[in-house]
Amino acid sequence: MLKKIIIGVLCFVILVVIGLGIYIYTLDWNKHKALVEQRFSQITGLRAVIDGDLNVELFPTPKFTANQIKFSKSVGPAE
């Protein structure tokens, strides 16, 4: 009985991981450009504008690519 429960839980975990992989693979990352630009600005202090496409690949090596990126220094309020 315990063996069946362990196999069931293991199968469920494998299906969840496969489902997440398919979701990430089919997600349109171009809809999230504003979020990527905002996070980049928060981390680096530079303003980024992405005019090209965003691509994410999981296999064989995880990779994130963006095309036509423009960087500029953030301009604060005048003192």
N, C-alpha and C. Protein backbone atom coordinates (compact mmCIF):
# COMPACT_ATOMS: atom_id res chain seq x y z
N MET A 1 0.83 -1.20 0.00
CA MET A 1 0.00 0.00 0.00
C MET A 1 0.87 1.25 0.00
N LEU A 2 1.90 1.28 0.84
CA LEU A 2 2.79 2.44 0.92
C LEU A 2 3.54 2.63 -0.40
N LYS A 3 3.87 1.51 -1.03
CA LYS A 3 4.58 1.57 -2.32
C LYS A 3 3.71 2.25 -3.38
N LYS A 4 2.41 1.96 -3.39
CA LYS A 4 1.49 2.57 -4.35
C LYS A 4 1.36 4.07 -4.10
N ILE A 5 1.34 4.47 -2.86
CA ILE A 5 1.24 5.90 -2.53
C ILE A 5 2.50 6.63 -2.98
N ILE A 6 3.65 6.06 -2.73
CA ILE A 6 4.91 6.68 -3.14
C ILE A 6 4.98 6.80 -4.66
N ILE A 7 4.59 5.75 -5.37
CA ILE A 7 4.58 5.79 -6.84
C ILE A 7 3.59 6.85 -7.33
N GLY A 8 2.43 6.95 -6.70
CA GLY A 8 1.44 7.95 -7.09
C GLY A 8 1.95 9.37 -6.89
N VAL A 9 2.58 9.63 -5.74
CA VAL A 9 3.12 10.96 -5.46
C VAL A 9 4.24 11.28 -6.44
N LEU A 10 5.10 10.31 -6.71
CA LEU A 10 6.20 10.52 -7.66
C LEU A 10 5.68 10.82 -9.06
N CYS A 11 4.66 10.11 -9.50
CA CYS A 11 4.05 10.37 -10.81
C CYS A 11 3.44 11.77 -10.85
N PHE A 12 2.78 12.17 -9.78
CA PHE A 12 2.19 13.51 -9.71
C PHE A 12 3.27 14.59 -9.83
N VAL A 13 4.37 14.43 -9.10
CA VAL A 13 5.46 15.41 -9.14
C VAL A 13 6.05 15.49 -10.56
N ILE A 14 6.23 14.35 -11.19
CA ILE A 14 6.78 14.33 -12.55
C ILE A 14 5.83 15.04 -13.51
N LEU A 15 4.54 14.80 -13.39
CA LEU A 15 3.56 15.46 -14.26
C LEU A 15 3.54 16.97 -14.04
N VAL A 16 3.67 17.42 -12.79
CA VAL A 16 3.71 18.85 -12.50
C VAL A 16 4.94 19.49 -13.13
N VAL A 17 6.09 18.85 -13.01
CA VAL A 17 7.32 19.38 -13.59
C VAL A 17 7.20 19.45 -15.11
N ILE A 18 6.67 18.43 -15.73
CA ILE A 18 6.48 18.44 -17.19
C ILE A 18 5.50 19.54 -17.59
N GLY A 19 4.42 19.68 -16.85
CA GLY A 19 3.44 20.73 -17.14
C GLY A 19 4.03 22.12 -17.03
N LEU A 20 4.83 22.37 -16.00
CA LEU A 20 5.49 23.68 -15.86
C LEU A 20 6.46 23.93 -17.01
N GLY A 21 7.19 22.89 -17.41
CA GLY A 21 8.11 23.04 -18.53
C GLY A 21 7.38 23.41 -19.81
N ILE A 22 6.27 22.75 -20.07
CA ILE A 22 5.47 23.06 -21.27
C ILE A 22 4.91 24.47 -21.19
N TYR A 23 4.43 24.87 -20.02
CA TYR A 23 3.89 26.22 -19.84
C TYR A 23 4.95 27.28 -20.11
N ILE A 24 6.14 27.11 -19.54
CA ILE A 24 7.22 28.08 -19.74
C ILE A 24 7.66 28.09 -21.20
N TYR A 25 7.73 26.93 -21.82
CA TYR A 25 8.16 26.83 -23.21
C TYR A 25 7.18 27.52 -24.16
N THR A 26 5.89 27.45 -23.89
CA THR A 26 4.89 28.03 -24.78
C THR A 26 4.47 29.44 -24.40
N LEU A 27 4.98 29.98 -23.32
CA LEU A 27 4.63 31.32 -22.86
C LEU A 27 5.16 32.37 -23.82
N ASP A 28 4.36 33.38 -24.15
CA ASP A 28 4.80 34.47 -25.01
C ASP A 28 5.49 35.52 -24.14
N TRP A 29 6.81 35.47 -24.13
CA TRP A 29 7.60 36.36 -23.27
C TRP A 29 7.53 37.81 -23.72
N ASN A 30 7.15 38.08 -24.96
CA ASN A 30 7.07 39.45 -25.44
C ASN A 30 5.97 40.24 -24.73
N LYS A 31 5.00 39.55 -24.17
CA LYS A 31 3.95 40.22 -23.40
C LYS A 31 4.48 40.73 -22.06
N HIS A 32 5.66 40.29 -21.65
CA HIS A 32 6.22 40.64 -20.35
C HIS A 32 7.44 41.55 -20.46
N LYS A 33 7.58 42.27 -21.58
CA LYS A 33 8.73 43.15 -21.78
C LYS A 33 8.81 44.22 -20.70
N ALA A 34 7.67 44.83 -20.38
CA ALA A 34 7.66 45.91 -19.39
C ALA A 34 8.17 45.41 -18.04
N LEU A 35 7.78 44.22 -17.64
CA LEU A 35 8.24 43.66 -16.37
C LEU A 35 9.74 43.39 -16.40
N VAL A 36 10.25 42.86 -17.51
CA VAL A 36 11.69 42.59 -17.64
C VAL A 36 12.46 43.90 -17.59
N GLU A 37 11.98 44.93 -18.30
CA GLU A 37 12.64 46.24 -18.28
C GLU A 37 12.65 46.82 -16.87
N GLN A 38 11.53 46.71 -16.17
CA GLN A 38 11.43 47.25 -14.81
C GLN A 38 12.39 46.54 -13.85
N ARG A 39 12.44 45.22 -13.91
CA ARG A 39 13.33 44.46 -13.03
C ARG A 39 14.79 44.77 -13.34
N PHE A 40 15.14 44.91 -14.63
CA PHE A 40 16.49 45.26 -15.01
C PHE A 40 16.87 46.61 -14.42
N SER A 41 15.94 47.58 -14.49
CA SER A 41 16.21 48.91 -13.94
C SER A 41 16.40 48.86 -12.42
N GLN A 42 15.61 48.07 -11.75
CA GLN A 42 15.73 47.94 -10.30
C GLN A 42 17.07 47.34 -9.91
N ILE A 43 17.53 46.36 -10.67
CA ILE A 43 18.76 45.64 -10.32
C ILE A 43 20.00 46.45 -10.66
N THR A 44 20.02 47.09 -11.84
CA THR A 44 21.25 47.74 -12.31
C THR A 44 21.27 49.25 -12.14
N GLY A 45 20.13 49.87 -12.01
CA GLY A 45 20.07 51.33 -11.96
C GLY A 45 20.09 51.96 -13.34
N LEU A 46 20.13 51.16 -14.38
CA LEU A 46 20.09 51.65 -15.76
C LEU A 46 18.68 51.47 -16.32
N ARG A 47 18.29 52.37 -17.22
CA ARG A 47 16.99 52.25 -17.88
C ARG A 47 17.20 51.40 -19.13
N ALA A 48 16.35 50.40 -19.33
CA ALA A 48 16.44 49.53 -20.50
C ALA A 48 15.15 49.62 -21.30
N VAL A 49 15.30 49.67 -22.63
CA VAL A 49 14.15 49.61 -23.53
C VAL A 49 14.41 48.46 -24.49
N ILE A 50 13.50 47.51 -24.52
CA ILE A 50 13.64 46.33 -25.38
C ILE A 50 12.71 46.51 -26.58
N ASP A 51 13.31 46.71 -27.76
CA ASP A 51 12.52 46.87 -28.98
C ASP A 51 12.38 45.57 -29.76
N GLY A 52 13.20 44.58 -29.45
CA GLY A 52 13.18 43.31 -30.17
C GLY A 52 12.39 42.25 -29.43
N ASP A 53 12.64 41.01 -29.79
CA ASP A 53 11.94 39.87 -29.20
C ASP A 53 12.66 39.33 -27.98
N LEU A 54 11.88 38.77 -27.05
CA LEU A 54 12.41 38.03 -25.91
C LEU A 54 12.22 36.55 -26.18
N ASN A 55 13.24 35.75 -25.91
CA ASN A 55 13.15 34.30 -26.09
C ASN A 55 13.71 33.59 -24.87
N VAL A 56 13.08 32.51 -24.50
CA VAL A 56 13.54 31.67 -23.40
C VAL A 56 13.61 30.24 -23.90
N GLU A 57 14.76 29.60 -23.68
CA GLU A 57 14.94 28.19 -24.03
C GLU A 57 15.33 27.43 -22.77
N LEU A 58 14.73 26.28 -22.56
CA LEU A 58 15.03 25.47 -21.38
C LEU A 58 15.97 24.33 -21.69
N PHE A 59 15.90 23.80 -22.92
CA PHE A 59 16.68 22.63 -23.27
C PHE A 59 17.55 22.92 -24.47
N PRO A 60 18.74 22.48 -24.58
CA PRO A 60 19.47 21.63 -23.65
C PRO A 60 20.07 22.43 -22.49
N THR A 61 20.24 23.75 -22.69
CA THR A 61 20.77 24.62 -21.63
C THR A 61 19.81 25.79 -21.45
N PRO A 62 19.41 26.11 -20.22
CA PRO A 62 18.52 27.25 -20.02
C PRO A 62 19.19 28.54 -20.51
N LYS A 63 18.42 29.33 -21.28
CA LYS A 63 18.98 30.55 -21.84
C LYS A 63 17.87 31.57 -22.06
N PHE A 64 18.18 32.83 -21.78
CA PHE A 64 17.26 33.96 -21.97
C PHE A 64 17.94 34.92 -22.93
N THR A 65 17.28 35.27 -24.05
CA THR A 65 17.86 36.20 -25.00
C THR A 65 16.88 37.32 -25.30
N ALA A 66 17.44 38.50 -25.54
CA ALA A 66 16.65 39.67 -25.91
C ALA A 66 17.37 40.38 -27.04
N ASN A 67 16.60 40.92 -27.99
CA ASN A 67 17.17 41.61 -29.14
C ASN A 67 16.84 43.10 -29.07
N GLN A 68 17.71 43.91 -29.65
CA GLN A 68 17.52 45.35 -29.77
C GLN A 68 17.22 46.01 -28.43
N ILE A 69 18.19 45.97 -27.53
CA ILE A 69 18.06 46.57 -26.21
C ILE A 69 18.81 47.89 -26.19
N LYS A 70 18.19 48.91 -25.65
CA LYS A 70 18.82 50.22 -25.48
C LYS A 70 18.95 50.51 -24.00
N PHE A 71 20.15 50.95 -23.59
CA PHE A 71 20.41 51.27 -22.19
C PHE A 71 20.65 52.76 -22.05
N SER A 72 20.22 53.32 -20.92
CA SER A 72 20.52 54.71 -20.62
C SER A 72 20.57 54.86 -19.10
N LYS A 73 21.26 55.91 -18.68
CA LYS A 73 21.32 56.18 -17.24
C LYS A 73 19.98 56.76 -16.80
N SER A 74 19.57 56.36 -15.61
CA SER A 74 18.32 56.90 -15.06
C SER A 74 18.56 58.33 -14.66
N VAL A 75 17.62 59.18 -14.98
CA VAL A 75 17.73 60.60 -14.63
C VAL A 75 16.81 60.87 -13.47
N GLY A 76 17.40 61.34 -12.38
CA GLY A 76 16.62 61.64 -11.19
C GLY A 76 16.04 63.03 -11.25
N PRO A 77 15.27 63.42 -10.24
CA PRO A 77 14.67 64.76 -10.21
C PRO A 77 15.75 65.82 -10.03
N ALA A 78 15.52 66.98 -10.61
CA ALA A 78 16.49 68.09 -10.51
C ALA A 78 16.52 68.62 -9.08
N GLU A 79 17.72 68.94 -8.62
CA GLU A 79 17.84 69.43 -7.24
C GLU A 79 18.12 70.90 -7.25
